[in-house]
C-alpha atoms as a PDB file:
ATOM      1  CA  MET A   1      63.989   1.101  27.405  1.00  0.00           C
ATOM      2  CA  LYS A   2      67.273   2.619  26.207  1.00  0.00           C
ATOM      3  CA  VAL A   3      69.527   3.494  29.131  1.00  0.00           C
ATOM      4  CA  CYS A   4      72.927   5.176  29.264  1.00  0.00           C
ATOM      5  CA  LEU A   5      75.628   5.614  31.877  1.00  0.00           C
ATOM      6  CA  GLY A   6      79.297   6.441  31.787  1.00  0.00           C
ATOM      7  CA  GLY A   7      82.498   6.459  33.750  1.00  0.00           C
ATOM      8  CA  THR A   8      86.058   5.282  34.130  1.00  0.00           C
ATOM      9  CA  PHE A   9      85.056   2.090  35.959  1.00  0.00           C
ATOM     10  CA  TYR A  10      88.517   1.430  37.331  1.00  0.00           C
ATOM     11  CA  PRO A  11      89.004  -0.207  39.571  1.00  0.00           C
ATOM     12  CA  LEU A  12      85.548  -1.723  39.216  1.00  0.00           C
ATOM     13  CA  HIS A  13      83.981  -1.715  42.701  1.00  0.00           C
ATOM     14  CA  LYS A  14      80.640  -2.301  44.426  1.00  0.00           C
ATOM     15  CA  GLY A  15      79.412   1.216  43.643  1.00  0.00           C
ATOM     16  CA  HIS A  16      80.011   0.635  39.933  1.00  0.00           C
ATOM     17  CA  GLN A  17      78.278  -2.724  40.195  1.00  0.00           C
ATOM     18  CA  GLN A  18      75.192  -1.038  41.655  1.00  0.00           C
ATOM     19  CA  LEU A  19      75.136   1.534  38.827  1.00  0.00           C
ATOM     20  CA  LEU A  20      75.422  -1.180  36.201  1.00  0.00           C
ATOM     21  CA  ARG A  21      72.809  -3.426  37.807  1.00  0.00           C
ATOM     22  CA  LYS A  22      70.368  -0.522  38.015  1.00  0.00           C
ATOM     23  CA  ALA A  23      70.931   0.273  34.334  1.00  0.00           C
ATOM     24  CA  PHE A  24      70.186  -3.371  33.412  1.00  0.00           C
ATOM     25  CA  GLN A  25      67.090  -3.332  35.622  1.00  0.00           C
ATOM     26  CA  VAL A  26      65.755  -0.071  34.162  1.00  0.00           C
ATOM     27  CA  ALA A  27      66.411  -1.234  30.587  1.00  0.00           C
ATOM     28  CA  GLY A  28      64.538  -4.468  31.154  1.00  0.00           C
ATOM     29  CA  PRO A  29      65.018  -7.758  29.305  1.00  0.00           C
ATOM     30  CA  GLN A  30      64.181  -6.276  25.892  1.00  0.00           C
ATOM     31  CA  GLY A  31      66.061  -3.024  26.495  1.00  0.00           C
ATOM     32  CA  PHE A  32      69.448  -1.576  25.611  1.00  0.00           C
ATOM     33  CA  VAL A  33      72.255  -0.271  27.849  1.00  0.00           C
ATOM     34  CA  PHE A  34      74.923   2.068  26.495  1.00  0.00           C
ATOM     35  CA  ILE A  35      78.039   2.231  28.675  1.00  0.00           C
ATOM     36  CA  GLY A  36      80.289   5.164  27.878  1.00  0.00           C
ATOM     37  CA  LEU A  37      83.794   4.231  29.009  1.00  0.00           C
ATOM     38  CA  THR A  38      86.142   7.190  29.368  1.00  0.00           C
ATOM     39  CA  THR A  39      89.080   7.250  27.005  1.00  0.00           C
ATOM     40  CA  SER A  40      92.630   7.221  28.317  1.00  0.00           C
ATOM     41  CA  ALA A  41      93.028  10.855  27.216  1.00  0.00           C
ATOM     42  CA  MET A  42      90.055  11.835  29.368  1.00  0.00           C
ATOM     43  CA  VAL A  43      91.458  10.287  32.550  1.00  0.00           C
ATOM     44  CA  LYS A  44      95.076  11.481  32.374  1.00  0.00           C
ATOM     45  CA  LYS A  45      94.654  13.763  35.393  1.00  0.00           C
ATOM     46  CA  LYS A  46      93.437  10.849  37.560  1.00  0.00           C
ATOM     47  CA  GLY A  47      96.884   9.270  37.590  1.00  0.00           C
ATOM     48  CA  PRO A  48      97.732   5.756  36.478  1.00  0.00           C
ATOM     49  CA  ILE A  49      94.610   4.088  35.082  1.00  0.00           C
ATOM     50  CA  ALA A  50      94.356   0.817  33.166  1.00  0.00           C
ATOM     51  CA  SER A  51      94.032   1.120  29.408  1.00  0.00           C
ATOM     52  CA  PHE A  52      90.655   1.550  27.744  1.00  0.00           C
ATOM     53  CA  GLU A  53      90.820  -2.030  26.407  1.00  0.00           C
ATOM     54  CA  LYS A  54      91.652  -3.522  29.809  1.00  0.00           C
ATOM     55  CA  ARG A  55      88.817  -1.592  31.485  1.00  0.00           C
ATOM     56  CA  LYS A  56      86.438  -2.666  28.716  1.00  0.00           C
ATOM     57  CA  THR A  57      87.457  -6.302  29.222  1.00  0.00           C
ATOM     58  CA  ILE A  58      86.803  -6.037  32.975  1.00  0.00           C
ATOM     59  CA  LEU A  59      83.359  -4.539  32.301  1.00  0.00           C
ATOM     60  CA  MET A  60      82.510  -7.226  29.751  1.00  0.00           C
ATOM     61  CA  GLN A  61      83.549  -9.927  32.232  1.00  0.00           C
ATOM     62  CA  PHE A  62      81.269  -8.427  34.906  1.00  0.00           C
ATOM     63  CA  ILE A  63      78.364  -8.165  32.434  1.00  0.00           C
ATOM     64  CA  GLN A  64      78.868 -11.773  31.361  1.00  0.00           C
ATOM     65  CA  GLU A  65      78.888 -12.944  34.992  1.00  0.00           C
ATOM     66  CA  GLU A  66      75.682 -11.000  35.688  1.00  0.00           C
ATOM     67  CA  ARG A  67      73.941 -12.799  32.803  1.00  0.00           C
ATOM     68  CA  VAL A  68      71.951  -9.698  31.913  1.00  0.00           C
ATOM     69  CA  SER A  69      69.181  -9.743  29.346  1.00  0.00           C
ATOM     70  CA  PRO A  70      69.396  -6.251  27.803  1.00  0.00           C
ATOM     71  CA  LYS A  71      71.658  -5.657  24.857  1.00  0.00           C
ATOM     72  CA  VAL A  72      74.812  -3.834  25.948  1.00  0.00           C
ATOM     73  CA  SER A  73      77.231  -1.599  24.063  1.00  0.00           C
ATOM     74  CA  ILE A  74      80.480  -0.300  25.574  1.00  0.00           C
ATOM     75  CA  GLN A  75      81.877   2.635  23.605  1.00  0.00           C
ATOM     76  CA  PRO A  76      84.548   5.319  24.154  1.00  0.00           C
ATOM     77  CA  LEU A  77      83.429   8.407  26.051  1.00  0.00           C
ATOM     78  CA  THR A  78      85.468  11.444  24.990  1.00  0.00           C
ATOM     79  CA  ASP A  79      83.654  14.095  27.048  1.00  0.00           C
ATOM     80  CA  LYS A  80      81.384  14.157  30.085  1.00  0.00           C
ATOM     81  CA  TYR A  81      78.199  14.200  27.997  1.00  0.00           C
ATOM     82  CA  GLY A  82      78.897  11.625  25.308  1.00  0.00           C
ATOM     83  CA  PRO A  83      75.992  10.615  23.075  1.00  0.00           C
ATOM     84  CA  ALA A  84      73.465  11.328  25.868  1.00  0.00           C
ATOM     85  CA  LEU A  85      73.024  14.853  24.477  1.00  0.00           C
ATOM     86  CA  HIS A  86      71.676  13.803  21.100  1.00  0.00           C
ATOM     87  CA  ASP A  87      71.030  10.055  20.913  1.00  0.00           C
ATOM     88  CA  ASP A  88      67.689   8.409  21.483  1.00  0.00           C
ATOM     89  CA  PHE A  89      67.930   7.350  25.148  1.00  0.00           C
ATOM     90  CA  ASP A  90      65.104   7.156  27.667  1.00  0.00           C
ATOM     91  CA  ALA A  91      67.066   7.184  30.919  1.00  0.00           C
ATOM     92  CA  ILE A  92      70.455   7.782  32.508  1.00  0.00           C
ATOM     93  CA  VAL A  93      71.842   6.122  35.641  1.00  0.00           C
ATOM     94  CA  VAL A  94      74.211   8.192  37.794  1.00  0.00           C
ATOM     95  CA  SER A  95      75.698   8.478  41.268  1.00  0.00           C
ATOM     96  CA  PRO A  96      75.148  11.514  43.498  1.00  0.00           C
ATOM     97  CA  GLU A  97      78.585  12.665  42.309  1.00  0.00           C
ATOM     98  CA  THR A  98      77.432  12.867  38.670  1.00  0.00           C
ATOM     99  CA  GLU A  99      73.788  13.850  39.172  1.00  0.00           C
ATOM    100  CA  LYS A 100      74.567  17.459  38.182  1.00  0.00           C
ATOM    101  CA  THR A 101      75.995  16.277  34.862  1.00  0.00           C
ATOM    102  CA  ALA A 102      72.742  14.369  34.176  1.00  0.00           C
ATOM    103  CA  GLU A 103      70.777  17.545  34.929  1.00  0.00           C
ATOM    104  CA  ASP A 104      73.055  19.489  32.543  1.00  0.00           C
ATOM    105  CA  ILE A 105      72.476  16.831  29.869  1.00  0.00           C
ATOM    106  CA  ASN A 106      68.714  17.222  30.255  1.00  0.00           C
ATOM    107  CA  GLN A 107      68.936  21.004  30.014  1.00  0.00           C
ATOM    108  CA  LYS A 108      70.962  20.728  26.812  1.00  0.00           C
ATOM    109  CA  ARG A 109      68.594  18.101  25.392  1.00  0.00           C
ATOM    110  CA  ILE A 110      65.622  20.402  26.027  1.00  0.00           C
ATOM    111  CA  GLU A 111      67.478  23.298  24.347  1.00  0.00           C
ATOM    112  CA  HIS A 112      67.955  21.040  21.292  1.00  0.00           C
ATOM    113  CA  GLY A 113      64.318  19.950  21.199  1.00  0.00           C
ATOM    114  CA  LYS A 114      64.954  16.483  22.644  1.00  0.00           C
ATOM    115  CA  GLN A 115      62.993  14.824  25.422  1.00  0.00           C
ATOM    116  CA  PRO A 116      64.775  14.921  28.802  1.00  0.00           C
ATOM    117  CA  LEU A 117      66.093  11.652  30.176  1.00  0.00           C
ATOM    118  CA  GLN A 118      64.624  10.017  33.243  1.00  0.00           C
ATOM    119  CA  ILE A 119      67.405  10.285  35.854  1.00  0.00           C
ATOM    120  CA  PHE A 120      68.059   7.392  38.228  1.00  0.00           C
ATOM    121  CA  VAL A 121      70.406   8.355  41.073  1.00  0.00           C
ATOM    122  CA  ILE A 122      71.996   5.401  42.843  1.00  0.00           C
ATOM    123  CA  PRO A 123      73.131   6.128  46.407  1.00  0.00           C
ATOM    124  CA  PHE A 124      76.792   5.802  47.267  1.00  0.00           C
ATOM    125  CA  VAL A 125      77.947   2.421  48.527  1.00  0.00           C
ATOM    126  CA  LEU A 126      79.767   3.005  51.790  1.00  0.00           C
ATOM    127  CA  SER A 127      83.108   1.577  52.866  1.00  0.00           C
ATOM    128  CA  ASP A 128      83.791   0.092  56.291  1.00  0.00           C
ATOM    129  CA  ASP A 129      84.641   3.615  57.499  1.00  0.00           C
ATOM    130  CA  GLY A 130      81.184   4.919  56.545  1.00  0.00           C
ATOM    131  CA  LYS A 131      82.472   6.991  53.623  1.00  0.00           C
ATOM    132  CA  PRO A 132      81.596   6.440  49.962  1.00  0.00           C
ATOM    133  CA  ILE A 133      83.641   3.889  48.092  1.00  0.00           C
ATOM    134  CA  SER A 134      85.442   5.597  45.241  1.00  0.00           C
ATOM    135  CA  SER A 135      87.987   4.521  42.686  1.00  0.00           C
ATOM    136  CA  THR A 136      90.268   7.355  43.802  1.00  0.00           C
ATOM    137  CA  ARG A 137      90.273   6.117  47.387  1.00  0.00           C
ATOM    138  CA  ILE A 138      90.916   2.565  46.237  1.00  0.00           C
ATOM    139  CA  ARG A 139      93.755   3.635  43.940  1.00  0.00           C
ATOM    140  CA  HIS A 140      95.311   5.618  46.778  1.00  0.00           C
ATOM    141  CA  LYS A 141      94.493   2.834  49.268  1.00  0.00           C
ATOM    142  CA  GLU A 142      93.664   5.433  51.854  1.00  0.00           C
ATOM    143  CA  LYS A 143      91.018   6.894  54.086  1.00  0.00           C
ATOM    144  CA  GLU A 144      91.112   9.881  56.416  1.00  0.00           C
ATOM    145  CA  ASP A 145      92.268   7.979  59.503  1.00  0.00           C
ATOM    146  CA  SER A 146      95.265   6.657  57.514  1.00  0.00           C
ATOM    147  CA  THR A 147      94.187   3.026  57.751  1.00  0.00           C
ATOM    148  CA  ARG A 148      93.767   0.934  54.635  1.00  0.00           C
ATOM    149  CA  LEU A 149      90.480   0.240  52.925  1.00  0.00           C
ATOM    150  CA  ASP A 150      89.534  -3.414  52.893  1.00  0.00           C
ATOM    151  CA  LEU A 151      90.144  -3.881  49.177  1.00  0.00           C
ATOM    152  CA  ASN A 152      89.021  -7.495  49.160  1.00  0.00           C
ATOM    153  CA  ARG A 153      85.558  -6.472  50.386  1.00  0.00           C
ATOM    154  CA  ILE A 154      84.963  -3.571  48.018  1.00  0.00           C
ATOM    155  CA  MET A 155      86.945  -4.109  44.847  1.00  0.00           C
ATOM    156  CA  ILE A 156      85.998  -6.296  41.940  1.00  0.00           C
ATOM    157  CA  SER A 157      88.435  -6.570  39.092  1.00  0.00           C
ATOM    158  CA  ALA A 158      89.853  -9.164  36.764  1.00  0.00           C
ATOM    159  CA  GLU A 159      93.113  -9.177  38.737  1.00  0.00           C
ATOM    160  CA  ALA A 160      91.320  -9.989  42.005  1.00  0.00           C
ATOM    161  CA  ARG A 161      89.795 -13.226  40.676  1.00  0.00           C
END
């Protein structure tokens, strides 16, 4: 099966890991996983983010450690749809936050005579405060009660190893 997913993936955390693992699982050992990694231009409004190359290296390290069987391609994502609109994919893996984008992709695919993608929605991974882990919260090192997130428990990155 050909599976796609996309994101900034920085810092890489347990929620991202779950998305990636699900994509590998859905693709199967003979499958293919396309990872659209947002370009630096696309993430300017998010504040300081590691370069595309650094984020790609972190993703490749995680993939190597997971010893996945499907073939994997990590390519620049320049808009929220990427190649999912037109390329020959079977499925897309998303979080609840990006489920609407997957639905929009399917609508546009149908309008262009393409088969809709099977959508796999992975639930949020929760932090110790019961709220979803997010890269924004990790970058800001905050939660509503003004205490710090336990970064060692939720963050996986090349720097943390």
